[in-house]
């Protein structure tokens, strides 16, 4: 039976571990065997917000497990004529597809679509609340680098208030036993966090104690007009540059979910440097999403 992936809290600790273990196993499978895993399955990609990494990653992941992808163009669809998304979903399902990969600007839209759709619904990023596959791939990247994350100190720095990546990373890393710190200016900090997650406005005192740091861009498209942001002050206090990286332990690594705003939250020297694991994140994203597709589509038709 098809299964949804709406958020990581619903997947739970055991579910996260199963998917990450399966992602590792898929690396070792011969291509022909891997492409039989979801053979005959058909997915509709509903990316109703701009995306580069996630969209291409899901497309590649689908091909690697043998699923076929129908790319939905919202700008060329009946949504432009006033059709509701729920009617669009019902229309597409009448054509007997197996599931949807959805990116949407509204927080609860993947859950609403899952209530309508008979097939699997996979959240590829919604509002500011969840980006579950990014949380999974970030955790896999850190486990590949650091091993067991229990007791590791990881900072998520930047615009955490508007970041769905931050929301999912908090769940994924906390369930692995990591100590998570959310670091941001007050106007970009989350109002509430799960128990055990620390919030603060100061990055520099944490640097010598961190095992990893996840840098986030300022999401200008989500910031309301009433939020006043001092960009120069943000760069001065939070940009991860070579001097700040030098204050971190030798084995500490740097992640960024992209897109990067170079010269704002991260410098060129750090983004392209030897401790950056940004391209590893991208590579692991395909592996994780292939495992998610197999999990949600429940094998070949």
Protein backbone atom coordinates (compact mmCIF):
# COMPACT_ATOMS: atom_id res chain seq x y z
CA UNK A 1 0.00 0.00 0.00
CA UNK A 2 1.40 3.44 -0.88
CA UNK A 3 2.71 5.48 2.04
CA UNK A 4 3.06 9.23 2.46
CA UNK A 5 6.06 11.22 3.65
CA UNK A 6 4.76 14.48 5.05
CA UNK A 7 7.21 15.16 7.86
CA UNK A 8 9.93 13.38 9.81
CA UNK A 9 8.12 13.37 13.14
CA UNK A 10 5.46 11.13 11.58
CA UNK A 11 8.16 8.86 10.15
CA UNK A 12 9.75 8.47 13.58
CA UNK A 13 13.21 7.40 14.68
CA UNK A 14 12.92 3.81 13.44
CA UNK A 15 11.51 4.89 10.07
CA UNK A 16 14.32 7.39 9.56
CA UNK A 17 16.93 4.75 10.34
CA UNK A 18 15.34 2.27 7.91
CA UNK A 19 15.34 4.76 5.05
CA UNK A 20 18.94 5.84 5.66
CA UNK A 21 20.09 2.24 5.85
CA UNK A 22 18.25 1.49 2.62
CA UNK A 23 19.88 4.51 0.97
CA UNK A 24 23.27 3.03 1.82
CA UNK A 25 22.22 -0.38 0.48
CA UNK A 26 21.05 1.08 -2.83
CA UNK A 27 24.60 2.26 -3.55
CA UNK A 28 25.69 -1.36 -3.77
CA UNK A 29 22.86 -2.71 -5.93
CA UNK A 30 23.59 -3.40 -9.60
CA UNK A 31 21.81 -0.94 -11.87
CA UNK A 32 19.48 -3.53 -13.41
CA UNK A 33 18.35 -4.76 -9.99
CA UNK A 34 17.86 -1.24 -8.67
CA UNK A 35 15.73 -0.24 -11.65
CA UNK A 36 13.30 -3.07 -10.90
CA UNK A 37 12.48 -1.69 -7.43
CA UNK A 38 9.73 0.66 -8.62
CA UNK A 39 9.33 -0.61 -12.18
CA UNK A 40 6.02 0.44 -13.72
CA UNK A 41 5.30 3.09 -11.10
CA UNK A 42 4.33 6.55 -12.34
CA UNK A 43 4.88 9.74 -10.35
CA UNK A 44 3.65 13.27 -10.96
CA UNK A 45 6.03 16.03 -9.88
CA UNK A 46 4.06 19.05 -8.69
CA UNK A 47 6.76 21.66 -8.04
CA UNK A 48 4.69 24.78 -7.48
CA UNK A 49 7.67 26.74 -6.16
CA UNK A 50 11.07 27.19 -7.83
CA UNK A 51 13.54 24.36 -7.26
CA UNK A 52 16.80 23.16 -8.77
CA UNK A 53 18.45 20.63 -6.44
CA UNK A 54 15.36 18.96 -5.05
CA UNK A 55 13.54 18.72 -8.36
CA UNK A 56 16.43 17.25 -10.34
CA UNK A 57 17.36 15.00 -7.42
CA UNK A 58 13.87 13.50 -7.28
CA UNK A 59 13.86 13.02 -11.06
CA UNK A 60 17.19 11.20 -10.98
CA UNK A 61 16.13 9.14 -7.97
CA UNK A 62 12.95 8.05 -9.75
CA UNK A 63 14.88 6.94 -12.81
CA UNK A 64 17.37 5.01 -10.71
CA UNK A 65 14.62 2.91 -9.13
CA UNK A 66 12.77 2.49 -12.43
CA UNK A 67 9.82 4.83 -11.87
CA UNK A 68 8.51 7.13 -14.59
CA UNK A 69 8.04 10.84 -13.91
CA UNK A 70 5.39 13.18 -15.31
CA UNK A 71 6.52 16.76 -14.83
CA UNK A 72 3.56 19.02 -14.02
CA UNK A 73 3.96 22.62 -15.23
CA UNK A 74 1.83 24.77 -12.97
CA UNK A 75 2.17 27.84 -15.18
CA UNK A 76 0.81 25.91 -18.18
CA UNK A 77 -1.93 24.10 -16.26
CA UNK A 78 -5.56 24.72 -15.42
CA UNK A 79 -4.40 26.17 -12.08
CA UNK A 80 -3.78 29.33 -14.11
CA UNK A 81 -7.45 29.27 -15.07
CA UNK A 82 -8.63 29.14 -11.49
CA UNK A 83 -8.89 25.39 -10.95
CA UNK A 84 -8.24 24.39 -7.34
CA UNK A 85 -5.29 22.17 -6.49
CA UNK A 86 -7.67 19.59 -5.03
CA UNK A 87 -9.54 19.33 -8.34
CA UNK A 88 -6.23 19.09 -10.17
CA UNK A 89 -5.18 16.21 -7.91
CA UNK A 90 -8.45 14.37 -8.45
CA UNK A 91 -8.19 14.85 -12.22
CA UNK A 92 -4.67 13.47 -12.35
CA UNK A 93 -5.56 10.54 -10.10
CA UNK A 94 -8.33 9.58 -12.50
CA UNK A 95 -5.49 8.80 -14.92
CA UNK A 96 -4.24 6.14 -12.46
CA UNK A 97 -0.89 7.52 -11.31
CA UNK A 98 0.87 6.06 -8.28
CA UNK A 99 1.86 9.18 -6.40
CA UNK A 100 2.85 12.81 -6.19
CA UNK A 101 6.00 14.68 -5.24
CA UNK A 102 4.81 18.09 -4.08
CA UNK A 103 6.57 21.37 -3.36
CA UNK A 104 4.30 24.18 -2.22
CA UNK A 105 4.49 27.53 -0.46
CA UNK A 106 1.75 26.73 2.05
CA UNK A 107 2.73 24.92 5.23
CA UNK A 108 -0.01 22.30 5.36
CA UNK A 109 -0.59 21.66 1.65
CA UNK A 110 1.15 18.24 1.47
CA UNK A 111 -1.06 16.99 4.30
CA UNK A 112 -4.17 18.35 2.60
CA UNK A 113 -3.21 16.67 -0.67
CA UNK A 114 -2.55 13.40 1.17
CA UNK A 115 -6.12 13.50 2.49
CA UNK A 116 -7.39 13.67 -1.10
CA UNK A 117 -4.98 11.43 -2.96
CA UNK A 118 -5.18 7.65 -2.99
CA UNK A 119 -1.55 7.34 -4.05
CA UNK A 120 1.61 8.29 -2.18
CA UNK A 121 2.29 11.95 -1.39
CA UNK A 122 5.88 12.98 -0.78
CA UNK A 123 6.62 16.42 0.64
CA UNK A 124 9.43 18.05 -1.35
CA UNK A 125 9.28 21.19 0.77
CA UNK A 126 6.30 23.08 2.15
CA UNK A 127 6.17 26.61 3.51
CA UNK A 128 8.42 27.04 6.52
CA UNK A 129 7.42 23.80 8.25
CA UNK A 130 9.02 20.76 6.63
CA UNK A 131 11.46 19.51 4.01
CA UNK A 132 11.76 15.89 5.14
CA UNK A 133 14.07 14.53 2.45
CA UNK A 134 16.52 17.38 3.08
CA UNK A 135 16.52 16.49 6.76
CA UNK A 136 17.24 12.87 5.85
CA UNK A 137 20.09 13.69 3.47
CA UNK A 138 21.65 16.15 5.91
CA UNK A 139 21.65 13.49 8.60
CA UNK A 140 23.10 10.91 6.20
CA UNK A 141 25.85 13.34 5.18
CA UNK A 142 26.78 13.98 8.80
CA UNK A 143 26.67 10.30 9.74
CA UNK A 144 28.93 9.44 6.82
CA UNK A 145 31.38 12.07 8.07
CA UNK A 146 31.09 11.87 11.87
CA UNK A 147 29.66 8.41 12.54
CA UNK A 148 27.22 8.14 15.43
CA UNK A 149 25.70 11.57 16.01
CA UNK A 150 24.78 10.97 19.65
CA UNK A 151 26.31 13.77 21.69
CA UNK A 152 27.59 15.66 18.66
CA UNK A 153 27.07 19.42 18.70
CA UNK A 154 25.61 20.82 15.50
CA UNK A 155 24.67 24.44 14.85
CA UNK A 156 22.08 25.56 12.30
CA UNK A 157 22.82 29.19 11.53
CA UNK A 158 21.02 31.92 9.61
CA UNK A 159 17.37 32.43 8.82
CA UNK A 160 16.03 29.58 10.91
CA UNK A 161 12.64 31.25 11.34
CA UNK A 162 11.66 30.83 7.71
CA UNK A 163 13.63 27.67 6.94
CA UNK A 164 11.80 24.40 6.39
CA UNK A 165 15.24 22.79 6.24
CA UNK A 166 15.94 23.92 9.79
CA UNK A 167 12.62 22.47 10.92
CA UNK A 168 13.34 19.04 9.43
CA UNK A 169 17.02 19.03 10.42
CA UNK A 170 16.04 19.66 14.04
CA UNK A 171 13.88 16.52 14.01
CA UNK A 172 16.33 14.33 12.11
CA UNK A 173 19.38 15.31 14.16
CA UNK A 174 17.65 15.37 17.55
CA UNK A 175 16.30 11.85 17.01
CA UNK A 176 19.90 10.78 16.34
CA UNK A 177 20.92 12.14 19.76
CA UNK A 178 22.73 15.25 18.53
CA UNK A 179 22.73 18.49 20.50
CA UNK A 180 21.25 21.02 18.10
CA UNK A 181 21.78 24.78 18.39
CA UNK A 182 19.69 27.24 16.38
CA UNK A 183 21.68 30.45 15.93
CA UNK A 184 20.08 33.55 14.44
CA UNK A 185 19.34 37.20 15.12
CA UNK A 186 16.12 37.54 17.15
CA UNK A 187 14.07 38.59 14.13
CA UNK A 188 15.10 35.40 12.28
CA UNK A 189 14.84 33.00 15.23
CA UNK A 190 12.08 30.43 15.68
CA UNK A 191 9.51 31.24 18.33
CA UNK A 192 9.42 27.71 19.70
CA UNK A 193 11.59 24.62 19.41
CA UNK A 194 11.40 21.03 20.65
CA UNK A 195 12.73 20.20 24.10
CA UNK A 196 16.50 19.87 24.17
CA UNK A 197 17.14 22.20 21.22
CA UNK A 198 19.01 25.35 22.17
CA UNK A 199 18.41 28.79 20.70
CA UNK A 200 20.70 31.78 20.74
CA UNK A 201 21.88 34.86 18.92
CA UNK A 202 25.64 34.39 19.34
CA UNK A 203 27.67 32.19 17.00
CA UNK A 204 31.25 32.94 17.97
CA UNK A 205 31.21 31.40 21.48
CA UNK A 206 29.92 28.10 20.04
CA UNK A 207 32.52 27.69 17.31
CA UNK A 208 35.23 25.86 19.34
CA UNK A 209 32.68 23.23 20.47
CA UNK A 210 30.94 22.41 17.19
CA UNK A 211 31.26 19.18 15.23
CA UNK A 212 29.32 20.58 12.28
CA UNK A 213 27.57 23.71 11.13
CA UNK A 214 24.65 24.04 8.71
CA UNK A 215 24.48 27.48 7.10
CA UNK A 216 21.19 28.88 5.80
CA UNK A 217 20.44 31.72 3.41
CA UNK A 218 18.16 34.62 4.29
CA UNK A 219 14.82 33.75 2.71
CA UNK A 220 13.86 37.18 1.47
CA UNK A 221 10.83 35.81 -0.38
CA UNK A 222 9.28 34.76 2.96
CA UNK A 223 10.22 37.73 5.14
CA UNK A 224 7.29 40.00 5.87
CA UNK A 225 7.71 43.73 5.54
CA UNK A 226 7.48 44.26 9.28
CA UNK A 227 10.72 42.33 9.84
CA UNK A 228 13.61 44.78 9.77
CA UNK A 229 16.92 43.13 8.95
CA UNK A 230 20.35 44.74 9.14
CA UNK A 231 22.13 42.85 6.35
CA UNK A 232 25.56 44.31 7.11
CA UNK A 233 25.12 43.39 10.76
CA UNK A 234 24.05 39.87 9.78
CA UNK A 235 27.17 39.39 7.67
CA UNK A 236 29.39 40.70 10.46
CA UNK A 237 27.91 38.45 13.15
CA UNK A 238 27.00 35.28 11.27
CA UNK A 239 28.85 34.84 7.99
CA UNK A 240 30.95 31.69 8.06
CA UNK A 241 34.30 32.77 6.64
CA UNK A 242 37.78 31.30 6.86
CA UNK A 243 38.65 32.99 10.15
CA UNK A 244 35.52 31.68 11.89
CA UNK A 245 36.00 28.23 10.40
CA UNK A 246 39.53 28.27 11.79
CA UNK A 247 38.11 28.55 15.31
CA UNK A 248 36.17 25.31 14.89
CA UNK A 249 37.71 21.91 15.73
CA UNK A 250 39.85 20.38 12.98
CA UNK A 251 37.32 17.66 12.14
CA UNK A 252 34.29 19.95 11.96
CA UNK A 253 32.44 20.12 8.64
CA UNK A 254 30.20 22.62 6.86
CA UNK A 255 26.82 21.97 5.22
CA UNK A 256 24.48 24.21 3.25
CA UNK A 257 21.19 23.07 1.66
CA UNK A 258 21.44 25.67 -1.11
CA UNK A 259 20.93 27.88 -2.87
CA UNK A 260 23.88 29.74 -1.37
CA UNK A 261 24.11 33.51 -1.18
CA UNK A 262 27.88 33.74 -1.34
CA UNK A 263 29.27 36.69 0.53
CA UNK A 264 26.26 36.78 2.87
CA UNK A 265 25.93 33.68 5.06
CA UNK A 266 29.01 31.92 3.64
CA UNK A 267 32.25 32.96 1.98
CA UNK A 268 33.69 31.50 -1.19
CA UNK A 269 36.69 30.15 0.72
CA UNK A 270 34.45 28.11 3.03
CA UNK A 271 31.88 27.02 0.44
CA UNK A 272 34.61 25.70 -1.85
CA UNK A 273 37.04 24.66 0.86
CA UNK A 274 38.18 21.23 2.07
CA UNK A 275 35.74 21.10 4.98
CA UNK A 276 32.68 21.82 2.86
CA UNK A 277 30.37 18.84 2.41
CA UNK A 278 27.88 20.71 0.23
CA UNK A 279 28.38 18.52 -2.84
CA UNK A 280 28.20 15.41 -0.65
CA UNK A 281 24.76 16.60 0.43
CA UNK A 282 23.67 16.80 -3.19
CA UNK A 283 24.98 13.30 -3.95
CA UNK A 284 23.36 11.80 -0.85
CA UNK A 285 20.11 13.52 -1.79
CA UNK A 286 19.66 11.25 -4.79
CA UNK A 287 20.38 8.16 -2.68
CA UNK A 288 17.96 9.20 0.06
CA UNK A 289 15.18 10.11 -2.35
CA UNK A 290 15.54 6.80 -4.16
CA UNK A 291 15.07 5.04 -0.82
CA UNK A 292 12.08 7.28 -0.01
CA UNK A 293 10.45 6.48 -3.35
CA UNK A 294 10.84 2.75 -2.78
CA UNK A 295 9.43 3.14 0.75
CA UNK A 296 6.42 5.23 -0.34
CA UNK A 297 5.59 3.41 -3.57
CA UNK A 298 5.88 -0.01 -1.97
CA UNK A 299 7.84 -1.68 -4.72
CA UNK A 300 7.10 -2.46 -8.39
CA UNK A 301 3.63 -2.55 -9.88
